Amino acid sequence: MLAALRHRYGILLVLAIVIAVLPLAFPSSYYFRVASLVWVSAFAAIGLNILMGKAGQVSLGHAGFFGIGAYAVAIGPTHLGVPSLVALLLGCLLSALLAFLVGRPILRLKGHYLAIATLGFGVLVALVITTESRWTGGPDGMSVMKLTLFGWRASGSDTWYWITGGLLLAGTWIALNLDETPTGRAFRALHDSEIAARVTGINVNRFKLQAFVIAAVYASLAGSALALMNGFVNPDQAGFLHSIELVTMVVLGGLGSVLGSIVGAAVLIMLPQVLTVFQEYENLLLGAIIIVSMIFMREGIVPMLSKFMMGRRA
């Protein structure tokens, strides 16, 4: 128990130090923006990792919830006169409700059937966003009002760096503490064997649904944060390619590892920035690096590095 506590608070402490120290090395506001993108993406990936890595369920349409959160903070203030913060909370509630309603039937499926069902949900959300142009601006997207709290407006890359960094710390703390709760242990049992979990008295359908709802709320919050930071939103944020990107972050970093989600997001966001010097070969090199990483680190970057370090100590 003490070792688990040390592990959890050690990860939080290291992450807090990294977030606090990184700005000292940033030469311009561009780096603040890239780091903010990493924090937002990592937050969404942590939620998806709870569903895939902890509970063992697949989702290929998770960007649908991301898009709901993003468009909530765009539509709420613009069309309904709702403050941005209230719109953010409404987006989370809508995502949780949809996850509950959609998850009840589709989470009874398994394997590729579940993957296709979640993919269909994501495509449906993206289609609604694209076609309802009167509310969403259609394929061109729409602008998002600045977040305002008691007269203070959140603007600037450095401001959003600290906001998204704080959001990531909170999301990491929740995910790490979830591991040691009865819910977290039920998720791990589901991941190992649904049949064994059912035999031990775990309500399999209930905990699958719970993981799906938690992951949806994480994605919605991340979508809202990104939309408010960018001041603009478009249907790509709810698209299939974004769903695949989130899944890649989780798998690349390490399924079941909270730290792995952060590392996976950092790699996938920062690599394209580094590879821009290769111009037309950028996408080719990015794909090759991901393929090589998955061949030699099948369990993900963080689990493989942990095993390597433990082997060196032994």
Protein backbone atom coordinates (compact mmCIF):
# COMPACT_ATOMS: atom_id res chain seq x y z
CA MET A 1 0.00 0.00 0.00
CA LEU A 2 2.83 2.39 0.97
CA ALA A 3 4.72 1.55 -2.23
CA ALA A 4 1.60 2.28 -4.31
CA LEU A 5 1.19 5.65 -2.57
CA ARG A 6 4.82 6.50 -3.23
CA HIS A 7 4.42 5.53 -6.87
CA ARG A 8 1.29 7.67 -7.34
CA TYR A 9 2.62 10.76 -5.64
CA GLY A 10 6.01 10.28 -7.28
CA ILE A 11 4.41 10.47 -10.74
CA LEU A 12 2.39 13.54 -9.74
CA LEU A 13 5.45 15.25 -8.27
CA VAL A 14 7.58 14.60 -11.37
CA LEU A 15 4.79 15.81 -13.66
CA ALA A 16 4.29 18.97 -11.58
CA ILE A 17 8.04 19.69 -11.68
CA VAL A 18 8.15 19.17 -15.45
CA ILE A 19 5.19 21.52 -15.98
CA ALA A 20 6.73 24.14 -13.67
CA VAL A 21 10.28 23.98 -15.10
CA LEU A 22 9.63 23.62 -18.85
CA PRO A 23 8.76 27.31 -19.45
CA LEU A 24 12.28 28.27 -18.36
CA ALA A 25 13.56 26.62 -21.55
CA PHE A 26 10.96 28.08 -23.94
CA PRO A 27 12.41 30.73 -26.26
CA SER A 28 9.02 31.84 -27.67
CA SER A 29 5.25 31.55 -27.24
CA TYR A 30 5.18 28.86 -29.96
CA TYR A 31 6.63 26.36 -27.48
CA PHE A 32 3.96 27.25 -24.93
CA ARG A 33 1.34 26.38 -27.57
CA VAL A 34 2.91 23.02 -28.47
CA ALA A 35 3.20 22.09 -24.79
CA SER A 36 -0.45 23.07 -24.22
CA LEU A 37 -1.47 20.77 -27.09
CA VAL A 38 0.48 17.97 -25.42
CA TRP A 39 -1.27 18.54 -22.08
CA VAL A 40 -4.75 18.60 -23.65
CA SER A 41 -4.10 15.50 -25.76
CA ALA A 42 -2.58 13.68 -22.78
CA PHE A 43 -5.67 14.48 -20.71
CA ALA A 44 -7.95 12.95 -23.37
CA ALA A 45 -5.61 9.95 -23.74
CA ILE A 46 -5.67 9.28 -19.99
CA GLY A 47 -9.47 9.02 -20.12
CA LEU A 48 -9.33 6.67 -23.10
CA ASN A 49 -6.67 4.59 -21.31
CA ILE A 50 -9.07 4.07 -18.41
CA LEU A 51 -11.48 2.51 -20.90
CA MET A 52 -8.97 0.56 -23.01
CA GLY A 53 -6.03 -0.10 -20.72
CA LYS A 54 -7.85 -0.56 -17.41
CA ALA A 55 -11.27 -1.94 -18.40
CA GLY A 56 -10.12 -3.64 -21.60
CA GLN A 57 -12.76 -2.13 -23.92
CA VAL A 58 -12.10 -0.75 -27.41
CA SER A 59 -13.30 2.62 -28.72
CA LEU A 60 -12.62 3.92 -32.23
CA GLY A 61 -15.06 6.81 -32.02
CA HIS A 62 -13.82 8.60 -28.94
CA ALA A 63 -13.24 11.85 -30.81
CA GLY A 64 -17.04 12.14 -30.97
CA PHE A 65 -17.08 13.06 -27.27
CA PHE A 66 -14.09 15.36 -27.85
CA GLY A 67 -16.12 17.15 -30.54
CA ILE A 68 -19.18 17.43 -28.29
CA GLY A 69 -17.10 19.20 -25.64
CA ALA A 70 -15.48 21.46 -28.23
CA TYR A 71 -18.76 22.50 -29.83
CA ALA A 72 -20.48 22.92 -26.46
CA VAL A 73 -18.25 25.90 -25.60
CA ALA A 74 -18.75 27.27 -29.13
CA ILE A 75 -22.53 26.90 -29.43
CA GLY A 76 -23.41 27.72 -25.80
CA PRO A 77 -22.12 31.32 -25.66
CA THR A 78 -22.80 32.09 -29.35
CA HIS A 79 -26.35 30.78 -29.82
CA LEU A 80 -27.71 30.28 -26.29
CA GLY A 81 -26.02 33.11 -24.37
CA VAL A 82 -24.59 30.64 -21.85
CA PRO A 83 -21.23 31.50 -20.18
CA SER A 84 -18.30 29.44 -21.43
CA LEU A 85 -17.72 27.69 -18.11
CA VAL A 86 -21.39 26.66 -17.87
CA ALA A 87 -21.28 25.49 -21.50
CA LEU A 88 -18.21 23.39 -20.65
CA LEU A 89 -20.09 21.68 -17.81
CA LEU A 90 -23.14 21.16 -20.03
CA GLY A 91 -20.88 19.55 -22.64
CA CYS A 92 -19.57 17.14 -19.98
CA LEU A 93 -23.12 16.29 -18.88
CA LEU A 94 -24.23 15.74 -22.49
CA SER A 95 -21.22 13.52 -23.18
CA ALA A 96 -21.84 11.51 -20.00
CA LEU A 97 -25.54 11.10 -20.89
CA LEU A 98 -24.77 10.02 -24.46
CA ALA A 99 -22.08 7.63 -23.25
CA PHE A 100 -24.59 6.11 -20.83
CA LEU A 101 -27.35 5.76 -23.44
CA VAL A 102 -25.09 4.55 -26.27
CA GLY A 103 -22.89 2.42 -24.04
CA ARG A 104 -25.69 0.28 -22.64
CA PRO A 105 -26.32 -1.56 -25.94
CA ILE A 106 -22.91 -1.40 -27.66
CA LEU A 107 -20.80 -2.46 -24.66
CA ARG A 108 -22.54 -5.84 -24.77
CA LEU A 109 -20.53 -6.41 -27.95
CA LYS A 110 -16.95 -7.67 -27.95
CA GLY A 111 -13.82 -7.41 -30.07
CA HIS A 112 -14.14 -6.00 -33.57
CA TYR A 113 -17.93 -5.74 -33.22
CA LEU A 114 -17.46 -3.28 -30.36
CA ALA A 115 -14.79 -1.40 -32.34
CA ILE A 116 -17.14 -0.98 -35.33
CA ALA A 117 -20.04 0.11 -33.09
CA THR A 118 -17.96 2.83 -31.41
CA LEU A 119 -16.62 3.86 -34.81
CA GLY A 120 -20.21 4.28 -36.01
CA PHE A 121 -20.98 6.54 -33.04
CA GLY A 122 -17.98 8.76 -33.81
CA VAL A 123 -18.90 9.00 -37.50
CA LEU A 124 -22.49 9.90 -36.57
CA VAL A 125 -21.38 12.74 -34.27
CA ALA A 126 -19.01 14.12 -36.94
CA LEU A 127 -21.81 13.90 -39.54
CA VAL A 128 -24.27 15.82 -37.35
CA ILE A 129 -21.66 18.51 -36.66
CA THR A 130 -20.90 18.87 -40.37
CA THR A 131 -24.53 18.98 -41.58
CA GLU A 132 -26.07 21.20 -38.89
CA SER A 133 -24.39 24.29 -40.32
CA ARG A 134 -26.91 26.72 -38.81
CA TRP A 135 -25.64 25.80 -35.35
CA THR A 136 -22.10 24.57 -35.98
CA GLY A 137 -20.90 26.50 -39.04
CA GLY A 138 -20.74 23.26 -41.04
CA PRO A 139 -17.43 22.10 -42.56
CA ASP A 140 -15.92 25.58 -42.10
CA GLY A 141 -16.27 25.43 -38.32
CA MET A 142 -17.03 28.38 -36.04
CA SER A 143 -15.31 30.78 -33.69
CA VAL A 144 -15.29 30.29 -29.93
CA MET A 145 -15.67 33.10 -27.40
CA LYS A 146 -12.86 33.60 -24.90
CA LEU A 147 -13.19 32.06 -21.45
CA THR A 148 -14.05 34.84 -19.00
CA LEU A 149 -14.09 34.47 -15.20
CA PHE A 150 -15.07 37.44 -13.00
CA GLY A 151 -13.87 39.90 -15.64
CA TRP A 152 -10.60 38.06 -16.31
CA ARG A 153 -10.17 36.70 -19.86
CA ALA A 154 -8.06 33.61 -20.52
CA SER A 155 -5.93 34.49 -23.54
CA GLY A 156 -2.38 33.93 -24.67
CA SER A 157 -0.34 30.75 -25.08
CA ASP A 158 1.40 31.12 -21.72
CA THR A 159 -1.93 31.45 -19.86
CA TRP A 160 -3.34 28.34 -21.53
CA TYR A 161 -0.12 26.48 -20.78
CA TRP A 162 -0.82 26.79 -17.06
CA ILE A 163 -4.55 26.11 -17.40
CA THR A 164 -4.04 22.93 -19.43
CA GLY A 165 -1.13 21.89 -17.22
CA GLY A 166 -3.35 22.20 -14.13
CA LEU A 167 -6.09 20.24 -15.92
CA LEU A 168 -3.61 17.46 -16.75
CA LEU A 169 -2.42 17.28 -13.14
CA ALA A 170 -6.01 16.95 -11.91
CA GLY A 171 -6.83 14.28 -14.52
CA THR A 172 -3.66 12.34 -13.67
CA TRP A 173 -4.41 12.48 -9.94
CA ILE A 174 -7.94 11.14 -10.48
CA ALA A 175 -6.76 8.32 -12.78
CA LEU A 176 -3.94 7.26 -10.43
CA ASN A 177 -6.23 7.22 -7.39
CA LEU A 178 -8.87 5.28 -9.32
CA ASP A 179 -6.50 2.28 -9.46
CA GLU A 180 -6.77 1.63 -5.73
CA THR A 181 -10.55 2.00 -5.46
CA PRO A 182 -13.06 -0.89 -5.76
CA THR A 183 -14.00 0.52 -9.17
CA GLY A 184 -10.38 0.43 -10.34
CA ARG A 185 -9.96 -3.15 -9.13
CA ALA A 186 -13.18 -4.12 -10.94
CA PHE A 187 -11.79 -2.53 -14.14
CA ARG A 188 -8.61 -4.61 -13.84
CA ALA A 189 -10.67 -7.76 -13.32
CA LEU A 190 -12.65 -6.94 -16.48
CA HIS A 191 -9.44 -6.45 -18.41
CA ASP A 192 -8.05 -9.83 -17.31
CA SER A 193 -11.22 -11.89 -17.88
CA GLU A 194 -14.87 -10.91 -18.06
CA ILE A 195 -15.93 -14.47 -17.23
CA ALA A 196 -13.74 -14.60 -14.11
CA ALA A 197 -14.96 -11.14 -13.08
CA ARG A 198 -18.58 -12.23 -13.45
CA VAL A 199 -17.94 -15.37 -11.39
CA THR A 200 -16.49 -13.29 -8.53
CA GLY A 201 -19.70 -11.22 -8.40
CA ILE A 202 -18.64 -8.16 -10.39
CA ASN A 203 -21.44 -6.52 -12.38
CA VAL A 204 -19.61 -6.59 -15.72
CA ASN A 205 -22.07 -4.46 -17.70
CA ARG A 206 -22.22 -1.80 -15.02
CA PHE A 207 -18.45 -1.34 -14.75
CA LYS A 208 -17.98 -1.37 -18.53
CA LEU A 209 -20.52 1.43 -18.75
CA GLN A 210 -18.85 3.31 -15.90
CA ALA A 211 -15.48 3.21 -17.68
CA PHE A 212 -17.10 4.40 -20.91
CA VAL A 213 -18.75 7.37 -19.16
CA ILE A 214 -15.54 8.37 -17.36
CA ALA A 215 -13.59 8.27 -20.64
CA ALA A 216 -16.30 10.34 -22.37
CA VAL A 217 -16.14 13.07 -19.70
CA TYR A 218 -12.34 13.23 -19.99
CA ALA A 219 -12.63 13.61 -23.78
CA SER A 220 -15.34 16.27 -23.50
CA LEU A 221 -13.27 18.35 -21.06
CA ALA A 222 -10.23 18.08 -23.32
CA GLY A 223 -12.29 19.15 -26.34
CA SER A 224 -13.66 22.17 -24.49
CA ALA A 225 -10.18 23.20 -23.32
CA LEU A 226 -8.74 22.94 -26.84
CA ALA A 227 -11.63 24.90 -28.40
CA LEU A 228 -11.32 27.70 -25.82
CA MET A 229 -7.56 27.79 -26.27
CA ASN A 230 -7.74 27.93 -30.09
CA GLY A 231 -10.72 30.28 -30.25
CA PHE A 232 -11.98 28.15 -33.12
CA VAL A 233 -13.46 24.70 -33.68
CA ASN A 234 -14.10 22.54 -36.77
CA PRO A 235 -15.52 19.03 -37.46
CA ASP A 236 -12.03 17.49 -37.71
CA GLN A 237 -11.86 17.44 -33.92
CA ALA A 238 -14.72 14.92 -33.90
CA GLY A 239 -13.44 12.99 -36.93
CA PHE A 240 -12.27 9.41 -37.34
CA LEU A 241 -8.61 10.37 -37.80
CA HIS A 242 -8.62 12.16 -34.44
CA SER A 243 -10.07 9.03 -32.80
CA ILE A 244 -7.24 6.96 -34.30
CA GLU A 245 -4.73 9.54 -33.08
CA LEU A 246 -6.02 9.22 -29.50
CA VAL A 247 -5.90 5.41 -29.68
CA THR A 248 -2.33 5.59 -31.03
CA MET A 249 -1.28 7.79 -28.10
CA VAL A 250 -2.64 5.24 -25.63
CA VAL A 251 -1.12 2.19 -27.34
CA LEU A 252 2.21 3.88 -28.11
CA GLY A 253 2.68 5.08 -24.53
CA GLY A 254 1.46 1.85 -22.95
CA LEU A 255 -1.99 0.39 -22.32
CA GLY A 256 -2.94 0.65 -18.67
CA SER A 257 -0.21 3.19 -17.87
CA VAL A 258 -1.29 6.73 -16.92
CA LEU A 259 2.25 7.99 -17.45
CA GLY A 260 2.25 6.13 -20.77
CA SER A 261 -0.70 8.21 -21.99
CA ILE A 262 1.26 11.40 -21.29
CA VAL A 263 4.40 10.08 -23.00
CA GLY A 264 2.38 8.81 -25.99
CA ALA A 265 0.68 12.19 -26.40
CA ALA A 266 4.02 14.01 -26.13
CA VAL A 267 5.62 11.78 -28.78
CA LEU A 268 2.71 12.03 -31.22
CA ILE A 269 2.35 15.83 -30.86
CA MET A 270 6.04 16.71 -30.84
CA LEU A 271 7.35 14.34 -33.52
CA PRO A 272 5.59 16.16 -36.40
CA GLN A 273 7.09 19.44 -35.14
CA VAL A 274 10.59 17.92 -35.18
CA LEU A 275 10.12 16.22 -38.56
CA THR A 276 9.01 19.38 -40.40
CA VAL A 277 12.63 19.85 -41.50
CA PHE A 278 12.17 16.84 -43.80
CA GLN A 279 9.20 18.53 -45.53
CA GLU A 280 7.57 16.07 -47.97
CA TYR A 281 8.97 13.04 -46.09
CA GLU A 282 7.48 14.16 -42.78
CA ASN A 283 4.42 11.83 -42.77
CA LEU A 284 6.46 8.91 -44.11
CA LEU A 285 9.04 9.23 -41.34
CA LEU A 286 6.37 9.69 -38.67
CA GLY A 287 4.62 6.49 -39.75
CA ALA A 288 7.92 4.59 -39.91
CA ILE A 289 8.92 5.69 -36.40
CA ILE A 290 5.55 4.61 -34.96
CA ILE A 291 5.77 1.22 -36.73
CA VAL A 292 9.31 0.58 -35.49
CA SER A 293 8.32 1.63 -31.95
CA MET A 294 5.40 -0.81 -31.90
CA ILE A 295 7.53 -3.66 -33.31
CA PHE A 296 10.27 -3.33 -30.70
CA MET A 297 8.11 -1.99 -27.84
CA ARG A 298 4.87 -3.93 -28.17
CA GLU A 299 3.72 -3.16 -24.65
CA GLY A 300 4.30 0.57 -25.13
CA ILE A 301 7.14 2.95 -24.38
CA VAL A 302 6.66 3.32 -20.61
CA PRO A 303 6.09 -0.39 -19.71
CA MET A 304 9.10 -1.44 -21.79
CA LEU A 305 11.34 1.22 -20.23
CA SER A 306 10.14 0.17 -16.76
CA LYS A 307 11.00 -3.47 -17.50
CA PHE A 308 14.41 -2.42 -18.82
CA MET A 309 15.16 -0.38 -15.69
CA MET A 310 14.03 -3.20 -13.38
CA GLY A 311 16.23 -5.63 -15.34
CA ARG A 312 19.24 -3.34 -14.96
CA ARG A 313 18.65 -3.08 -11.19
CA ALA A 314 18.31 -6.88 -10.89
